[in-house]
PDB file of N, CA and C in Angstrom:
ATOM      1  N   MET A   1       0.932  -1.338   0.076  1.00  0.00           N
ATOM      2  CA  MET A   1      -0.196  -0.199   0.055  1.00  0.00           C
ATOM      3  C   MET A   1       0.979   1.204  -0.018  1.00  0.00           C
ATOM      4  N   ASN A   2       0.664   1.975  -0.977  1.00  0.00           N
ATOM      5  CA  ASN A   2       1.380   3.345  -1.134  1.00  0.00           C
ATOM      6  C   ASN A   2       0.727   4.503  -1.074  1.00  0.00           C
ATOM      7  N   LEU A   3       0.740   5.268   0.172  1.00  0.00           N
ATOM      8  CA  LEU A   3      -0.057   6.392   0.307  1.00  0.00           C
ATOM      9  C   LEU A   3       0.556   7.780   0.039  1.00  0.00           C
ATOM     10  N   GLY A   4       1.680   7.505  -1.084  1.00  0.00           N
ATOM     11  CA  GLY A   4       2.354   8.873  -1.206  1.00  0.00           C
ATOM     12  C   GLY A   4       2.704   9.738   0.009  1.00  0.00           C
ATOM     13  N   ILE A   5       2.553  11.138  -0.721  1.00  0.00           N
ATOM     14  CA  ILE A   5       2.717  11.975   0.254  1.00  0.00           C
ATOM     15  C   ILE A   5       1.857  11.989   1.509  1.00  0.00           C
ATOM     16  N   PHE A   6       0.840  11.177   1.791  1.00  0.00           N
ATOM     17  CA  PHE A   6       0.184  11.161   3.068  1.00  0.00           C
ATOM     18  C   PHE A   6       0.567   9.963   3.801  1.00  0.00           C
ATOM     19  N   ALA A   7       1.807   9.325   3.693  1.00  0.00           N
ATOM     20  CA  ALA A   7       2.200   8.118   4.426  1.00  0.00           C
ATOM     21  C   ALA A   7       2.328   8.560   5.673  1.00  0.00           C
ATOM     22  N   PHE A   8       3.044   9.544   5.936  1.00  0.00           N
ATOM     23  CA  PHE A   8       3.638   9.771   7.483  1.00  0.00           C
ATOM     24  C   PHE A   8       2.239  10.460   8.194  1.00  0.00           C
ATOM     25  N   THR A   9       1.688  11.400   7.314  1.00  0.00           N
ATOM     26  CA  THR A   9       0.063  11.842   7.945  1.00  0.00           C
ATOM     27  C   THR A   9      -0.687  10.737   8.457  1.00  0.00           C
ATOM     28  N   ALA A  10      -0.759   9.776   7.455  1.00  0.00           N
ATOM     29  CA  ALA A  10      -1.910   8.501   7.822  1.00  0.00           C
ATOM     30  C   ALA A  10      -1.358   7.453   8.981  1.00  0.00           C
ATOM     31  N   THR A  11       0.027   7.622   8.822  1.00  0.00           N
ATOM     32  CA  THR A  11       0.142   6.394   9.954  1.00  0.00           C
ATOM     33  C   THR A  11      -0.021   7.033  11.366  1.00  0.00           C
ATOM     34  N   THR A  12       0.329   8.602  11.314  1.00  0.00           N
ATOM     35  CA  THR A  12      -0.007   9.233  12.805  1.00  0.00           C
ATOM     36  C   THR A  12      -1.395   9.308  12.954  1.00  0.00           C
ATOM     37  N   ILE A  13      -2.086   9.561  12.036  1.00  0.00           N
ATOM     38  CA  ILE A  13      -3.761   9.663  12.406  1.00  0.00           C
ATOM     39  C   ILE A  13      -4.247   8.062  12.791  1.00  0.00           C
ATOM     40  N   ILE A  14      -3.803   7.160  11.972  1.00  0.00           N
ATOM     41  CA  ILE A  14      -4.513   5.729  12.415  1.00  0.00           C
ATOM     42  C   ILE A  14      -3.955   5.233  13.514  1.00  0.00           C
ATOM     43  N   PHE A  15      -2.653   5.502  14.155  1.00  0.00           N
ATOM     44  CA  PHE A  15      -2.242   4.966  15.623  1.00  0.00           C
ATOM     45  C   PHE A  15      -2.780   5.915  16.439  1.00  0.00           C
ATOM     46  N   THR A  16      -2.653   7.202  16.570  1.00  0.00           N
ATOM     47  CA  THR A  16      -2.901   8.062  17.451  1.00  0.00           C
ATOM     48  C   THR A  16      -4.611   7.918  17.153  1.00  0.00           C
ATOM     49  N   GLY A  17      -5.183   7.871  16.163  1.00  0.00           N
ATOM     50  CA  GLY A  17      -6.691   7.802  16.253  1.00  0.00           C
ATOM     51  C   GLY A  17      -7.162   6.992  16.865  1.00  0.00           C
ATOM     52  N   LEU A  18      -6.787   5.642  16.747  1.00  0.00           N
ATOM     53  CA  LEU A  18      -7.041   4.504  17.554  1.00  0.00           C
ATOM     54  C   LEU A  18      -7.258   4.654  19.120  1.00  0.00           C
ATOM     55  N   ALA A  19      -6.217   5.197  19.398  1.00  0.00           N
ATOM     56  CA  ALA A  19      -6.129   5.578  21.057  1.00  0.00           C
ATOM     57  C   ALA A  19      -7.195   6.550  21.384  1.00  0.00           C
ATOM     58  N   ILE A  20      -7.286   7.567  20.642  1.00  0.00           N
ATOM     59  CA  ILE A  20      -8.353   8.601  20.768  1.00  0.00           C
ATOM     60  C   ILE A  20      -9.438   8.073  20.767  1.00  0.00           C
ATOM     61  N   LEU A  21      -9.713   6.973  19.884  1.00  0.00           N
ATOM     62  CA  LEU A  21     -11.239   6.384  19.614  1.00  0.00           C
ATOM     63  C   LEU A  21     -11.533   5.646  20.613  1.00  0.00           C
ATOM     64  N   LEU A  22     -10.690   4.877  21.237  1.00  0.00           N
ATOM     65  CA  LEU A  22     -10.601   3.882  22.308  1.00  0.00           C
ATOM     66  C   LEU A  22     -10.834   4.905  23.491  1.00  0.00           C
ATOM     67  N   TYR A  23     -10.348   6.078  24.008  1.00  0.00           N
ATOM     68  CA  TYR A  23     -10.875   7.020  24.769  1.00  0.00           C
ATOM     69  C   TYR A  23     -11.946   7.547  24.759  1.00  0.00           C
ATOM     70  N   LEU A  24     -12.781   7.760  23.584  1.00  0.00           N
ATOM     71  CA  LEU A  24     -13.850   8.318  23.359  1.00  0.00           C
ATOM     72  C   LEU A  24     -15.149   7.150  23.853  1.00  0.00           C
ATOM     73  N   VAL A  25     -14.738   5.812  23.224  1.00  0.00           N
ATOM     74  CA  VAL A  25     -15.722   4.803  23.376  1.00  0.00           C
ATOM     75  C   VAL A  25     -15.863   4.575  24.860  1.00  0.00           C
ATOM     76  N   MET A  26     -14.666   4.535  25.793  1.00  0.00           N
ATOM     77  CA  MET A  26     -14.644   4.542  27.130  1.00  0.00           C
ATOM     78  C   MET A  26     -15.498   5.646  27.945  1.00  0.00           C
ATOM     79  N   ARG A  27     -15.397   6.861  27.333  1.00  0.00           N
ATOM     80  CA  ARG A  27     -16.176   7.926  27.846  1.00  0.00           C
ATOM     81  C   ARG A  27     -17.666   7.707  27.234  1.00  0.00           C
ATOM     82  N   LEU A  28     -17.876   7.081  26.461  1.00  0.00           N
ATOM     83  CA  LEU A  28     -19.541   6.521  26.308  1.00  0.00           C
ATOM     84  C   LEU A  28     -20.090   5.503  26.965  1.00  0.00           C
ATOM     85  N   ARG A  29     -19.031   4.486  27.351  1.00  0.00           N
ATOM     86  CA  ARG A  29     -19.441   3.534  28.013  1.00  0.00           C
ATOM     87  C   ARG A  29     -19.533   3.541  29.694  1.00  0.00           C
ATOM     88  N   LYS A  30     -18.274   4.241  30.113  1.00  0.00           N
ATOM     89  CA  LYS A  30     -18.501   4.569  31.668  1.00  0.00           C
ATOM     90  C   LYS A  30     -18.253   6.075  31.677  1.00  0.00           C
ATOM     91  N   PRO A  31     -19.150   6.807  31.535  1.00  0.00           N
ATOM     92  CA  PRO A  31     -18.841   8.380  31.527  1.00  0.00           C
ATOM     93  C   PRO A  31     -18.340   8.811  32.789  1.00  0.00           C
ATOM     94  N   ARG A  32     -18.685   8.322  33.712  1.00  0.00           N
ATOM     95  CA  ARG A  32     -17.983   9.010  35.018  1.00  0.00           C
ATOM     96  C   ARG A  32     -16.535   8.773  35.314  1.00  0.00           C
ATOM     97  N   SER A  33     -16.054   7.292  35.100  1.00  0.00           N
ATOM     98  CA  SER A  33     -14.768   6.818  35.484  1.00  0.00           C
ATOM     99  C   SER A  33     -13.485   7.480  34.248  1.00  0.00           C
ATOM    100  N   ALA A  34     -14.100   7.571  33.039  1.00  0.00           N
ATOM    101  CA  ALA A  34     -13.357   8.287  32.080  1.00  0.00           C
ATOM    102  C   ALA A  34     -13.398   9.602  31.844  1.00  0.00           C
ATOM    103  N   GLU A  35     -14.175  10.658  32.696  1.00  0.00           N
ATOM    104  CA  GLU A  35     -14.343  11.819  32.567  1.00  0.00           C
ATOM    105  C   GLU A  35     -13.198  12.583  33.340  1.00  0.00           C
ATOM    106  N   LEU A  36     -12.645  13.565  32.780  1.00  0.00           N
ATOM    107  CA  LEU A  36     -11.344  14.310  33.298  1.00  0.00           C
ATOM    108  C   LEU A  36     -11.823  15.393  33.790  1.00  0.00           C
ATOM    109  N   PRO A  37     -11.369  16.132  35.003  1.00  0.00           N
ATOM    110  CA  PRO A  37     -11.487  17.438  35.400  1.00  0.00           C
ATOM    111  C   PRO A  37     -11.037  18.463  34.659  1.00  0.00           C
ATOM    112  N   LYS A  38     -11.612  19.743  34.589  1.00  0.00           N
ATOM    113  CA  LYS A  38     -10.853  20.922  33.652  1.00  0.00           C
ATOM    114  C   LYS A  38      -9.446  20.855  33.920  1.00  0.00           C
ATOM    115  N   ARG A  39      -9.126  20.951  35.200  1.00  0.00           N
ATOM    116  CA  ARG A  39      -7.762  21.239  35.457  1.00  0.00           C
ATOM    117  C   ARG A  39      -6.716  20.381  34.719  1.00  0.00           C
ATOM    118  N   TYR A  40      -7.292  18.812  34.605  1.00  0.00           N
ATOM    119  CA  TYR A  40      -6.486  17.934  33.823  1.00  0.00           C
ATOM    120  C   TYR A  40      -6.429  18.310  32.161  1.00  0.00           C
ATOM    121  N   TRP A  41      -7.455  18.870  31.764  1.00  0.00           N
ATOM    122  CA  TRP A  41      -7.437  19.509  30.623  1.00  0.00           C
ATOM    123  C   TRP A  41      -6.469  20.482  30.308  1.00  0.00           C
ATOM    124  N   ARG A  42      -6.523  21.262  31.321  1.00  0.00           N
ATOM    125  CA  ARG A  42      -5.339  22.469  31.247  1.00  0.00           C
ATOM    126  C   ARG A  42      -3.787  21.812  31.165  1.00  0.00           C
ATOM    127  N   ILE A  43      -3.292  20.984  32.026  1.00  0.00           N
ATOM    128  CA  ILE A  43      -2.188  20.264  31.727  1.00  0.00           C
ATOM    129  C   ILE A  43      -2.104  19.678  30.453  1.00  0.00           C
ATOM    130  N   ILE A  44      -2.828  19.139  29.873  1.00  0.00           N
ATOM    131  CA  ILE A  44      -2.794  18.507  28.858  1.00  0.00           C
ATOM    132  C   ILE A  44      -2.508  19.447  27.600  1.00  0.00           C
ATOM    133  N   TRP A  45      -3.352  20.473  27.557  1.00  0.00           N
ATOM    134  CA  TRP A  45      -3.099  21.674  26.598  1.00  0.00           C
ATOM    135  C   TRP A  45      -1.525  22.268  26.735  1.00  0.00           C
ATOM    136  N   VAL A  46      -1.100  22.306  28.136  1.00  0.00           N
ATOM    137  CA  VAL A  46       0.176  22.693  28.541  1.00  0.00           C
ATOM    138  C   VAL A  46       1.442  21.739  27.817  1.00  0.00           C
ATOM    139  N   VAL A  47       1.257  20.642  28.192  1.00  0.00           N
ATOM    140  CA  VAL A  47       2.140  19.600  27.430  1.00  0.00           C
ATOM    141  C   VAL A  47       2.092  19.664  25.992  1.00  0.00           C
ATOM    142  N   MET A  48       0.742  19.650  25.470  1.00  0.00           N
ATOM    143  CA  MET A  48       0.828  19.721  24.111  1.00  0.00           C
ATOM    144  C   MET A  48       1.649  21.072  23.479  1.00  0.00           C
ATOM    145  N   LEU A  49       1.313  22.418  23.891  1.00  0.00           N
ATOM    146  CA  LEU A  49       1.762  23.343  23.609  1.00  0.00           C
ATOM    147  C   LEU A  49       3.304  23.347  23.632  1.00  0.00           C
ATOM    148  N   GLY A  50       3.728  22.743  24.863  1.00  0.00           N
ATOM    149  CA  GLY A  50       5.070  22.267  25.087  1.00  0.00           C
ATOM    150  C   GLY A  50       6.073  21.859  24.077  1.00  0.00           C
ATOM    151  N   GLY A  51       5.182  20.564  23.608  1.00  0.00           N
ATOM    152  CA  GLY A  51       5.801  19.824  22.719  1.00  0.00           C
ATOM    153  C   GLY A  51       5.885  20.349  21.368  1.00  0.00           C
ATOM    154  N   LEU A  52       4.993  21.272  21.089  1.00  0.00           N
ATOM    155  CA  LEU A  52       5.074  21.972  19.872  1.00  0.00           C
ATOM    156  C   LEU A  52       6.150  23.070  19.876  1.00  0.00           C
ATOM    157  N   VAL A  53       6.230  23.666  20.970  1.00  0.00           N
ATOM    158  CA  VAL A  53       7.307  24.746  20.902  1.00  0.00           C
ATOM    159  C   VAL A  53       8.571  24.161  20.874  1.00  0.00           C
ATOM    160  N   TYR A  54       9.023  22.942  21.525  1.00  0.00           N
ATOM    161  CA  TYR A  54      10.121  22.081  21.471  1.00  0.00           C
ATOM    162  C   TYR A  54      10.453  21.568  19.825  1.00  0.00           C
ATOM    163  N   THR A  55       9.261  21.105  19.358  1.00  0.00           N
ATOM    164  CA  THR A  55       9.635  20.597  18.003  1.00  0.00           C
ATOM    165  C   THR A  55       9.846  21.526  17.023  1.00  0.00           C
ATOM    166  N   ALA A  56       9.514  22.809  17.056  1.00  0.00           N
ATOM    167  CA  ALA A  56       9.856  24.113  16.485  1.00  0.00           C
ATOM    168  C   ALA A  56      11.167  24.206  16.692  1.00  0.00           C
ATOM    169  N   ILE A  57      11.706  24.456  17.657  1.00  0.00           N
ATOM    170  CA  ILE A  57      13.054  24.701  17.944  1.00  0.00           C
ATOM    171  C   ILE A  57      13.857  23.449  17.486  1.00  0.00           C
ATOM    172  N   ALA A  58      13.749  22.603  17.915  1.00  0.00           N
ATOM    173  CA  ALA A  58      14.763  21.237  17.856  1.00  0.00           C
ATOM    174  C   ALA A  58      14.809  20.931  16.425  1.00  0.00           C
ATOM    175  N   GLU A  59      13.659  20.539  15.834  1.00  0.00           N
ATOM    176  CA  GLU A  59      13.561  20.227  14.344  1.00  0.00           C
ATOM    177  C   GLU A  59      14.425  21.201  13.298  1.00  0.00           C
ATOM    178  N   ARG A  60      14.469  22.470  13.633  1.00  0.00           N
ATOM    179  CA  ARG A  60      14.948  23.540  13.022  1.00  0.00           C
ATOM    180  C   ARG A  60      16.596  23.034  12.894  1.00  0.00           C
ATOM    181  N   PHE A  61      16.992  22.721  13.962  1.00  0.00           N
ATOM    182  CA  PHE A  61      18.460  22.307  14.242  1.00  0.00           C
ATOM    183  C   PHE A  61      18.789  21.161  13.601  1.00  0.00           C
ATOM    184  N   ALA A  62      17.867  20.311  14.245  1.00  0.00           N
ATOM    185  CA  ALA A  62      18.215  18.618  13.457  1.00  0.00           C
ATOM    186  C   ALA A  62      18.146  18.761  12.073  1.00  0.00           C
ATOM    187  N   LEU A  63      17.162  19.415  11.438  1.00  0.00           N
ATOM    188  CA  LEU A  63      17.134  19.189   9.742  1.00  0.00           C
ATOM    189  C   LEU A  63      18.494  20.011   9.315  1.00  0.00           C
ATOM    190  N   ALA A  64      18.740  21.368   9.669  1.00  0.00           N
ATOM    191  CA  ALA A  64      19.919  22.233   9.486  1.00  0.00           C
ATOM    192  C   ALA A  64      21.271  21.402   9.596  1.00  0.00           C
ATOM    193  N   TRP A  65      21.374  20.389  10.501  1.00  0.00           N
ATOM    194  CA  TRP A  65      22.781  19.797  10.867  1.00  0.00           C
ATOM    195  C   TRP A  65      22.619  18.383  10.035  1.00  0.00           C
ATOM    196  N   ARG A  66      21.354  18.035   9.519  1.00  0.00           N
ATOM    197  CA  ARG A  66      21.119  16.856   8.928  1.00  0.00           C
ATOM    198  C   ARG A  66      21.431  15.873   9.521  1.00  0.00           C
ATOM    199  N   ALA A  67      20.792  15.832  10.895  1.00  0.00           N
ATOM    200  CA  ALA A  67      20.680  14.662  11.802  1.00  0.00           C
ATOM    201  C   ALA A  67      19.628  13.583  11.400  1.00  0.00           C
ATOM    202  N   TRP A  68      18.807  14.041  10.700  1.00  0.00           N
ATOM    203  CA  TRP A  68      17.671  13.318  10.063  1.00  0.00           C
ATOM    204  C   TRP A  68      17.089  13.957   8.668  1.00  0.00           C
ATOM    205  N   ALA A  69      16.434  13.355   8.168  1.00  0.00           N
ATOM    206  CA  ALA A  69      15.735  14.284   6.864  1.00  0.00           C
ATOM    207  C   ALA A  69      14.572  13.374   6.638  1.00  0.00           C
ATOM    208  N   TYR A  70      13.782  13.982   6.071  1.00  0.00           N
ATOM    209  CA  TYR A  70      12.002  13.493   5.644  1.00  0.00           C
ATOM    210  C   TYR A  70      11.793  13.138   4.050  1.00  0.00           C
ATOM    211  N   ASN A  71      11.492  12.060   3.891  1.00  0.00           N
ATOM    212  CA  ASN A  71      11.522  11.657   2.446  1.00  0.00           C
ATOM    213  C   ASN A  71      10.290  12.541   1.510  1.00  0.00           C
ATOM    214  N   PRO A  72      10.661  13.578   0.789  1.00  0.00           N
ATOM    215  CA  PRO A  72       9.744  14.288   0.312  1.00  0.00           C
ATOM    216  C   PRO A  72       8.553  13.464  -0.565  1.00  0.00           C
ATOM    217  N   GLU A  73       8.877  12.226  -0.702  1.00  0.00           N
ATOM    218  CA  GLU A  73       7.870  11.402  -1.299  1.00  0.00           C
ATOM    219  C   GLU A  73       6.702  10.895  -0.096  1.00  0.00           C
ATOM    220  N   ARG A  74       7.059  11.013   0.733  1.00  0.00           N
ATOM    221  CA  ARG A  74       6.171  10.674   1.934  1.00  0.00           C
ATOM    222  C   ARG A  74       5.660  11.597   2.714  1.00  0.00           C
ATOM    223  N   THR A  75       6.002  12.976   2.745  1.00  0.00           N
ATOM    224  CA  THR A  75       5.468  13.795   3.436  1.00  0.00           C
ATOM    225  C   THR A  75       5.023  15.194   2.508  1.00  0.00           C
ATOM    226  N   PHE A  76       4.292  16.044   3.131  1.00  0.00           N
ATOM    227  CA  PHE A  76       3.793  17.141   2.208  1.00  0.00           C
ATOM    228  C   PHE A  76       5.183  18.201   1.662  1.00  0.00           C
ATOM    229  N   HIS A  77       6.019  17.926   2.208  1.00  0.00           N
ATOM    230  CA  HIS A  77       7.286  18.554   2.251  1.00  0.00           C
ATOM    231  C   HIS A  77       7.014  20.196   2.241  1.00  0.00           C
ATOM    232  N   THR A  78       6.374  20.239   3.562  1.00  0.00           N
ATOM    233  CA  THR A  78       6.005  22.134   3.586  1.00  0.00           C
ATOM    234  C   THR A  78       6.746  22.207   5.013  1.00  0.00           C
ATOM    235  N   ILE A  79       7.536  22.988   5.134  1.00  0.00           N
ATOM    236  CA  ILE A  79       8.284  23.443   6.434  1.00  0.00           C
ATOM    237  C   ILE A  79       7.533  24.718   6.859  1.00  0.00           C
ATOM    238  N   PHE A  80       7.304  24.492   8.203  1.00  0.00           N
ATOM    239  CA  PHE A  80       6.610  25.687   9.136  1.00  0.00           C
ATOM    240  C   PHE A  80       7.295  25.811  10.456  1.00  0.00           C
ATOM    241  N   LEU A  81       7.945  26.892  10.619  1.00  0.00           N
ATOM    242  CA  LEU A  81       8.774  27.277  11.734  1.00  0.00           C
ATOM    243  C   LEU A  81       9.860  26.305  11.894  1.00  0.00           C
ATOM    244  N   GLY A  82      10.469  25.764  10.681  1.00  0.00           N
ATOM    245  CA  GLY A  82      11.518  25.035  10.861  1.00  0.00           C
ATOM    246  C   GLY A  82      11.362  23.638  10.815  1.00  0.00           C
ATOM    247  N   ALA A  83      10.031  22.934  10.938  1.00  0.00           N
ATOM    248  CA  ALA A  83       9.581  21.646  10.933  1.00  0.00           C
ATOM    249  C   ALA A  83       8.655  21.332   9.910  1.00  0.00           C
ATOM    250  N   GLU A  84       8.504  20.041   9.362  1.00  0.00           N
ATOM    251  CA  GLU A  84       7.779  19.603   8.745  1.00  0.00           C
ATOM    252  C   GLU A  84       6.105  19.820   9.330  1.00  0.00           C
ATOM    253  N   VAL A  85       5.181  19.930   8.575  1.00  0.00           N
ATOM    254  CA  VAL A  85       3.757  20.124   9.023  1.00  0.00           C
ATOM    255  C   VAL A  85       3.397  19.130   9.745  1.00  0.00           C
ATOM    256  N   GLU A  86       3.564  17.890   9.412  1.00  0.00           N
ATOM    257  CA  GLU A  86       3.284  16.601   9.725  1.00  0.00           C
ATOM    258  C   GLU A  86       3.798  16.167  11.064  1.00  0.00           C
ATOM    259  N   ASN A  87       5.026  16.725  11.406  1.00  0.00           N
ATOM    260  CA  ASN A  87       5.456  16.444  12.706  1.00  0.00           C
ATOM    261  C   ASN A  87       4.866  17.512  13.872  1.00  0.00           C
ATOM    262  N   TYR A  88       4.209  18.588  13.635  1.00  0.00           N
ATOM    263  CA  TYR A  88       3.487  19.292  14.493  1.00  0.00           C
ATOM    264  C   TYR A  88       2.103  18.372  14.865  1.00  0.00           C
ATOM    265  N   LEU A  89       1.583  17.842  14.020  1.00  0.00           N
ATOM    266  CA  LEU A  89       0.557  16.909  13.767  1.00  0.00           C
ATOM    267  C   LEU A  89       0.791  16.177  14.895  1.00  0.00           C
ATOM    268  N   PHE A  90       1.768  15.046  14.437  1.00  0.00           N
ATOM    269  CA  PHE A  90       2.464  14.038  15.403  1.00  0.00           C
ATOM    270  C   PHE A  90       2.369  14.361  16.739  1.00  0.00           C
ATOM    271  N   ILE A  91       3.238  15.600  16.872  1.00  0.00           N
ATOM    272  CA  ILE A  91       3.689  15.812  18.458  1.00  0.00           C
ATOM    273  C   ILE A  91       2.296  16.154  19.024  1.00  0.00           C
ATOM    274  N   ALA A  92       1.352  17.010  18.520  1.00  0.00           N
ATOM    275  CA  ALA A  92       0.098  17.317  19.240  1.00  0.00           C
ATOM    276  C   ALA A  92      -0.650  16.132  19.468  1.00  0.00           C
ATOM    277  N   LEU A  93      -0.889  15.128  18.668  1.00  0.00           N
ATOM    278  CA  LEU A  93      -1.783  13.903  18.783  1.00  0.00           C
ATOM    279  C   LEU A  93      -1.222  13.077  19.898  1.00  0.00           C
ATOM    280  N   VAL A  94       0.227  12.703  19.689  1.00  0.00           N
ATOM    281  CA  VAL A  94       0.893  11.794  20.618  1.00  0.00           C
ATOM    282  C   VAL A  94       0.851  12.313  21.680  1.00  0.00           C
ATOM    283  N   SER A  95       1.201  13.804  22.322  1.00  0.00           N
ATOM    284  CA  SER A  95       0.993  14.212  23.523  1.00  0.00           C
ATOM    285  C   SER A  95      -0.328  14.169  24.109  1.00  0.00           C
ATOM    286  N   LEU A  96      -1.391  14.256  23.340  1.00  0.00           N
ATOM    287  CA  LEU A  96      -2.671  14.198  23.688  1.00  0.00           C
ATOM    288  C   LEU A  96      -3.048  12.719  24.313  1.00  0.00           C
ATOM    289  N   VAL A  97      -2.542  11.764  23.336  1.00  0.00           N
ATOM    290  CA  VAL A  97      -2.594  10.327  23.642  1.00  0.00           C
ATOM    291  C   VAL A  97      -2.093   9.992  24.865  1.00  0.00           C
ATOM    292  N   VAL A  98      -0.593  10.351  24.941  1.00  0.00           N
ATOM    293  CA  VAL A  98      -0.063  10.133  26.467  1.00  0.00           C
ATOM    294  C   VAL A  98      -0.417  10.698  27.489  1.00  0.00           C
ATOM    295  N   SER A  99      -0.921  11.991  27.410  1.00  0.00           N
ATOM    296  CA  SER A  99      -1.350  12.698  28.655  1.00  0.00           C
ATOM    297  C   SER A  99      -2.604  12.153  29.070  1.00  0.00           C
ATOM    298  N   LEU A 100      -3.451  11.856  28.088  1.00  0.00           N
ATOM    299  CA  LEU A 100      -4.772  10.946  28.526  1.00  0.00           C
ATOM    300  C   LEU A 100      -4.560   9.592  29.253  1.00  0.00           C
ATOM    301  N   ALA A 101      -3.614   8.939  28.573  1.00  0.00           N
ATOM    302  CA  ALA A 101      -3.443   7.614  29.056  1.00  0.00           C
ATOM    303  C   ALA A 101      -2.877   7.898  30.556  1.00  0.00           C
ATOM    304  N   THR A 102      -1.800   8.607  30.703  1.00  0.00           N
ATOM    305  CA  THR A 102      -1.296   8.845  31.904  1.00  0.00           C
ATOM    306  C   THR A 102      -2.207   9.186  33.242  1.00  0.00           C
ATOM    307  N   LEU A 103      -2.960  10.458  32.718  1.00  0.00           N
ATOM    308  CA  LEU A 103      -3.711  10.919  33.683  1.00  0.00           C
ATOM    309  C   LEU A 103      -4.714  10.192  34.139  1.00  0.00           C
ATOM    310  N   LEU A 104      -5.598   9.272  33.151  1.00  0.00           N
ATOM    311  CA  LEU A 104      -6.416   8.207  33.550  1.00  0.00           C
ATOM    312  C   LEU A 104      -5.884   7.088  34.588  1.00  0.00           C
ATOM    313  N   TYR A 105      -4.665   6.541  33.994  1.00  0.00           N
ATOM    314  CA  TYR A 105      -4.226   5.544  34.941  1.00  0.00           C
ATOM    315  C   TYR A 105      -3.846   6.046  36.068  1.00  0.00           C
ATOM    316  N   ALA A 106      -3.481   7.294  36.349  1.00  0.00           N
ATOM    317  CA  ALA A 106      -3.096   7.656  37.678  1.00  0.00           C
ATOM    318  C   ALA A 106      -4.267   8.244  38.619  1.00  0.00           C
ATOM    319  N   ARG A 107      -5.364   8.302  37.830  1.00  0.00           N
ATOM    320  CA  ARG A 107      -6.497   8.369  38.388  1.00  0.00           C
ATOM    321  C   ARG A 107      -7.114   7.212  38.947  1.00  0.00           C
ATOM    322  N   ARG A 108      -7.249   6.395  38.080  1.00  0.00           N
ATOM    323  CA  ARG A 108      -7.387   4.785  38.560  1.00  0.00           C
ATOM    324  C   ARG A 108      -6.755   4.211  39.541  1.00  0.00           C
ATOM    325  N   GLU A 109      -5.352   4.610  39.684  1.00  0.00           N
ATOM    326  CA  GLU A 109      -4.451   4.119  40.782  1.00  0.00           C
ATOM    327  C   GLU A 109      -4.715   4.884  42.265  1.00  0.00           C
ATOM    328  N   ASP A 110      -5.157   5.942  41.981  1.00  0.00           N
ATOM    329  CA  ASP A 110      -5.901   6.846  43.117  1.00  0.00           C
ATOM    330  C   ASP A 110      -7.210   6.432  43.602  1.00  0.00           C
ATOM    331  N   ARG A 111      -7.972   5.957  42.804  1.00  0.00           N
ATOM    332  CA  ARG A 111      -9.316   5.476  43.220  1.00  0.00           C
ATOM    333  C   ARG A 111      -9.169   3.839  44.198  1.00  0.00           C
ATOM    334  N   LYS A 112      -7.955   3.244  43.246  1.00  0.00           N
ATOM    335  CA  LYS A 112      -7.854   1.875  44.137  1.00  0.00           C
ATOM    336  C   LYS A 112      -7.451   1.989  45.455  1.00  0.00           C
ATOM    337  N   ARG A 113      -6.502   3.265  45.996  1.00  0.00           N
ATOM    338  CA  ARG A 113      -6.070   3.255  47.182  1.00  0.00           C
ATOM    339  C   ARG A 113      -6.923   3.922  48.102  1.00  0.00           C
ATOM    340  N   GLN A 114      -7.931   4.275  47.663  1.00  0.00           N
ATOM    341  CA  GLN A 114      -8.977   4.759  48.774  1.00  0.00           C
ATOM    342  C   GLN A 114     -10.056   3.988  49.122  1.00  0.00           C
TER     343      GLN A 114
END
């Protein structure tokens, strides 16, 4: 299966999308146990924004120093603030998924101790 320029974006959306879909299904099945307080969502937004800022800085240097490169046949080959556009999508979605999983697991463990 050759997705062409959509390969990186498609794999990002498929793998993070499955985790986000799992969270949404869990919210529908057990709304009280999967619901996160508003303060947790603030933490998630801070983590996502921090990751995006870090990506903008680190990717610029990594690409300039040729530490790695992206295949233009598999990406949109569009640079924004020093990084491929797909990288920002990747960082935002992965940090969302990891933050959700961490906070939900921490809440679950706290409830076990009570």
